[in-house]
Every structure is written in C-alpha cells, then in structure tokens.
C-alpha cells in the first residue's frame, strides 16, 4: 500500500468544496493508496480527475 500525503493548501481549499465533492475526492485519493494506476489515469501525468478537480501523485 502506498502512502498518501495531502498538501496543506489542499486541506485549506477543501473547506470551499461541496460536501459531496469533498467526499468524492477523498474516496478517489484513498483508492490511489490501494491501486496507484486506476483506469483512466494518464500514465505520464500521474494524475486523475474528479469532477473539475485533479489529484496529482508521485510514486
């Protein structure tokens, strides 16, 4: 399982999200810990999109 680090700026910005979007982003980020290359991920960019938001991650 991979480690998940959330930047402080992302935590601050999460206060402005709707509860449903915050939940979707949390679920997607948590799933990245189990499967770092889910369907739909751009291999070169190492990010996934959740609505209008992006989760960017490093191996």
N, C-alpha and C. Protein backbone atom coordinates (compact mmCIF):
# COMPACT_ATOMS: atom_id res chain seq x y z
N UNK A 1 0.85 -1.18 0.00
CA UNK A 1 0.00 0.00 0.00
C UNK A 1 0.89 1.24 0.00
N UNK A 2 0.48 2.24 -0.74
CA UNK A 2 1.23 3.48 -0.86
C UNK A 2 0.84 4.46 0.25
N UNK A 3 1.69 5.45 0.46
CA UNK A 3 1.44 6.50 1.45
C UNK A 3 0.72 7.67 0.77
N UNK A 4 -0.21 8.27 1.45
CA UNK A 4 -0.97 9.41 0.93
C UNK A 4 -0.63 10.65 1.74
N UNK A 5 -0.03 11.65 1.08
CA UNK A 5 0.29 12.93 1.71
C UNK A 5 -0.59 14.00 1.08
N UNK A 6 -1.26 14.77 1.90
CA UNK A 6 -2.12 15.84 1.39
C UNK A 6 -1.48 17.17 1.76
N UNK A 7 -1.25 17.99 0.76
CA UNK A 7 -0.62 19.29 0.98
C UNK A 7 -1.54 20.19 1.81
N UNK A 8 -0.94 21.04 2.60
CA UNK A 8 -1.70 21.95 3.46
C UNK A 8 -2.64 22.83 2.65
N UNK A 9 -2.17 23.30 1.49
CA UNK A 9 -3.02 24.16 0.66
C UNK A 9 -4.25 23.38 0.18
N UNK A 10 -4.10 22.10 -0.08
CA UNK A 10 -5.25 21.28 -0.49
C UNK A 10 -6.24 21.14 0.66
N UNK A 11 -5.72 20.97 1.87
CA UNK A 11 -6.61 20.87 3.03
C UNK A 11 -7.39 22.16 3.22
N UNK A 12 -6.72 23.30 3.06
CA UNK A 12 -7.40 24.59 3.20
C UNK A 12 -8.46 24.77 2.12
N UNK A 13 -8.11 24.42 0.88
CA UNK A 13 -9.05 24.56 -0.23
C UNK A 13 -10.24 23.64 -0.10
N UNK A 14 -10.08 22.54 0.59
CA UNK A 14 -11.18 21.58 0.72
C UNK A 14 -12.37 22.17 1.48
N UNK A 15 -12.13 23.19 2.28
CA UNK A 15 -13.23 23.83 3.01
C UNK A 15 -14.22 24.51 2.07
N UNK A 16 -13.75 24.86 0.87
CA UNK A 16 -14.61 25.55 -0.09
C UNK A 16 -15.39 24.58 -0.99
N UNK A 17 -15.13 23.30 -0.88
CA UNK A 17 -15.81 22.31 -1.72
C UNK A 17 -17.17 21.95 -1.14
N UNK A 18 -18.04 21.52 -2.01
CA UNK A 18 -19.31 20.99 -1.52
C UNK A 18 -19.02 19.67 -0.80
N UNK A 19 -19.84 19.30 0.16
CA UNK A 19 -19.61 18.04 0.88
C UNK A 19 -19.53 16.83 -0.06
N UNK A 20 -20.36 16.81 -1.10
CA UNK A 20 -20.33 15.65 -2.00
C UNK A 20 -19.04 15.60 -2.80
N UNK A 21 -18.51 16.75 -3.24
CA UNK A 21 -17.25 16.76 -3.99
C UNK A 21 -16.09 16.41 -3.07
N UNK A 22 -16.10 16.91 -1.84
CA UNK A 22 -15.05 16.56 -0.89
C UNK A 22 -15.03 15.05 -0.65
N UNK A 23 -16.20 14.45 -0.55
CA UNK A 23 -16.30 13.01 -0.35
C UNK A 23 -15.77 12.25 -1.57
N UNK A 24 -16.11 12.71 -2.76
CA UNK A 24 -15.62 12.05 -3.99
C UNK A 24 -14.11 12.12 -4.08
N UNK A 25 -13.53 13.27 -3.76
CA UNK A 25 -12.08 13.44 -3.82
C UNK A 25 -11.40 12.56 -2.77
N UNK A 26 -11.95 12.53 -1.56
CA UNK A 26 -11.39 11.68 -0.51
C UNK A 26 -11.42 10.22 -0.91
N UNK A 27 -12.54 9.77 -1.47
CA UNK A 27 -12.65 8.38 -1.91
C UNK A 27 -11.63 8.06 -3.00
N UNK A 28 -11.48 8.96 -3.98
CA UNK A 28 -10.54 8.72 -5.07
C UNK A 28 -9.10 8.70 -4.57
N UNK A 29 -8.76 9.61 -3.67
CA UNK A 29 -7.40 9.66 -3.13
C UNK A 29 -7.10 8.42 -2.30
N UNK A 30 -8.07 7.97 -1.52
CA UNK A 30 -7.89 6.77 -0.71
C UNK A 30 -7.70 5.54 -1.60
N UNK A 31 -8.44 5.48 -2.68
CA UNK A 31 -8.30 4.35 -3.61
C UNK A 31 -6.92 4.33 -4.25
N UNK A 32 -6.30 5.50 -4.45
CA UNK A 32 -4.95 5.55 -5.01
C UNK A 32 -3.93 4.86 -4.12
N UNK A 33 -4.19 4.82 -2.82
CA UNK A 33 -3.29 4.11 -1.91
C UNK A 33 -3.27 2.62 -2.23
N UNK A 34 -4.42 2.08 -2.63
CA UNK A 34 -4.52 0.66 -2.94
C UNK A 34 -4.12 0.35 -4.38
N UNK A 35 -4.54 1.20 -5.29
CA UNK A 35 -4.29 0.97 -6.73
C UNK A 35 -3.76 2.27 -7.35
N UNK A 36 -2.43 2.43 -7.44
CA UNK A 36 -1.87 3.68 -7.92
C UNK A 36 -2.03 3.93 -9.41
N UNK A 37 -2.48 2.95 -10.17
CA UNK A 37 -2.71 3.11 -11.61
C UNK A 37 -4.13 2.69 -11.98
N UNK A 38 -5.15 3.40 -11.50
CA UNK A 38 -6.53 3.03 -11.82
C UNK A 38 -6.86 3.32 -13.28
N UNK A 39 -7.96 2.74 -13.74
CA UNK A 39 -8.42 3.03 -15.10
C UNK A 39 -8.63 4.53 -15.26
N UNK A 40 -8.25 5.05 -16.39
CA UNK A 40 -8.46 6.46 -16.67
C UNK A 40 -7.31 7.36 -16.26
N UNK A 41 -6.30 6.81 -15.59
CA UNK A 41 -5.16 7.63 -15.17
C UNK A 41 -4.25 7.86 -16.37
N UNK A 42 -3.71 9.05 -16.48
CA UNK A 42 -2.74 9.35 -17.53
C UNK A 42 -1.37 8.95 -17.00
N UNK A 43 -0.76 7.97 -17.61
CA UNK A 43 0.49 7.43 -17.10
C UNK A 43 1.60 8.47 -16.99
N UNK A 44 1.73 9.36 -17.96
CA UNK A 44 2.79 10.35 -17.92
C UNK A 44 2.51 11.46 -16.92
N UNK A 45 1.25 11.81 -16.76
CA UNK A 45 0.89 12.93 -15.89
C UNK A 45 0.78 12.50 -14.44
N UNK A 46 0.51 11.21 -14.20
CA UNK A 46 0.30 10.69 -12.86
C UNK A 46 -0.72 11.52 -12.08
N UNK A 47 -1.88 11.66 -12.69
CA UNK A 47 -2.97 12.36 -12.02
C UNK A 47 -4.29 11.75 -12.47
N UNK A 48 -5.32 12.00 -11.69
CA UNK A 48 -6.67 11.60 -12.07
C UNK A 48 -7.57 12.81 -11.88
N UNK A 49 -8.66 12.83 -12.58
CA UNK A 49 -9.60 13.93 -12.40
C UNK A 49 -10.83 13.45 -11.65
N UNK A 50 -11.34 14.33 -10.80
CA UNK A 50 -12.56 14.09 -10.05
C UNK A 50 -13.40 15.34 -10.25
N UNK A 51 -14.37 15.25 -11.14
CA UNK A 51 -15.13 16.45 -11.48
C UNK A 51 -14.21 17.49 -12.09
N UNK A 52 -14.23 18.70 -11.57
CA UNK A 52 -13.36 19.77 -12.06
C UNK A 52 -12.02 19.81 -11.33
N UNK A 53 -11.73 18.82 -10.51
CA UNK A 53 -10.53 18.83 -9.67
C UNK A 53 -9.57 17.73 -10.12
N UNK A 54 -8.31 17.88 -9.77
CA UNK A 54 -7.30 16.91 -10.11
C UNK A 54 -6.58 16.44 -8.85
N UNK A 55 -6.26 15.15 -8.83
CA UNK A 55 -5.41 14.58 -7.79
C UNK A 55 -4.10 14.23 -8.49
N UNK A 56 -3.02 14.86 -8.07
CA UNK A 56 -1.70 14.63 -8.67
C UNK A 56 -0.88 13.85 -7.65
N UNK A 57 -0.22 12.80 -8.12
CA UNK A 57 0.52 11.97 -7.17
C UNK A 57 1.84 11.51 -7.75
N UNK A 58 2.75 11.17 -6.86
CA UNK A 58 4.08 10.66 -7.21
C UNK A 58 4.23 9.25 -6.69
N UNK A 59 5.03 8.48 -7.38
CA UNK A 59 5.28 7.11 -6.91
C UNK A 59 6.36 7.13 -5.86
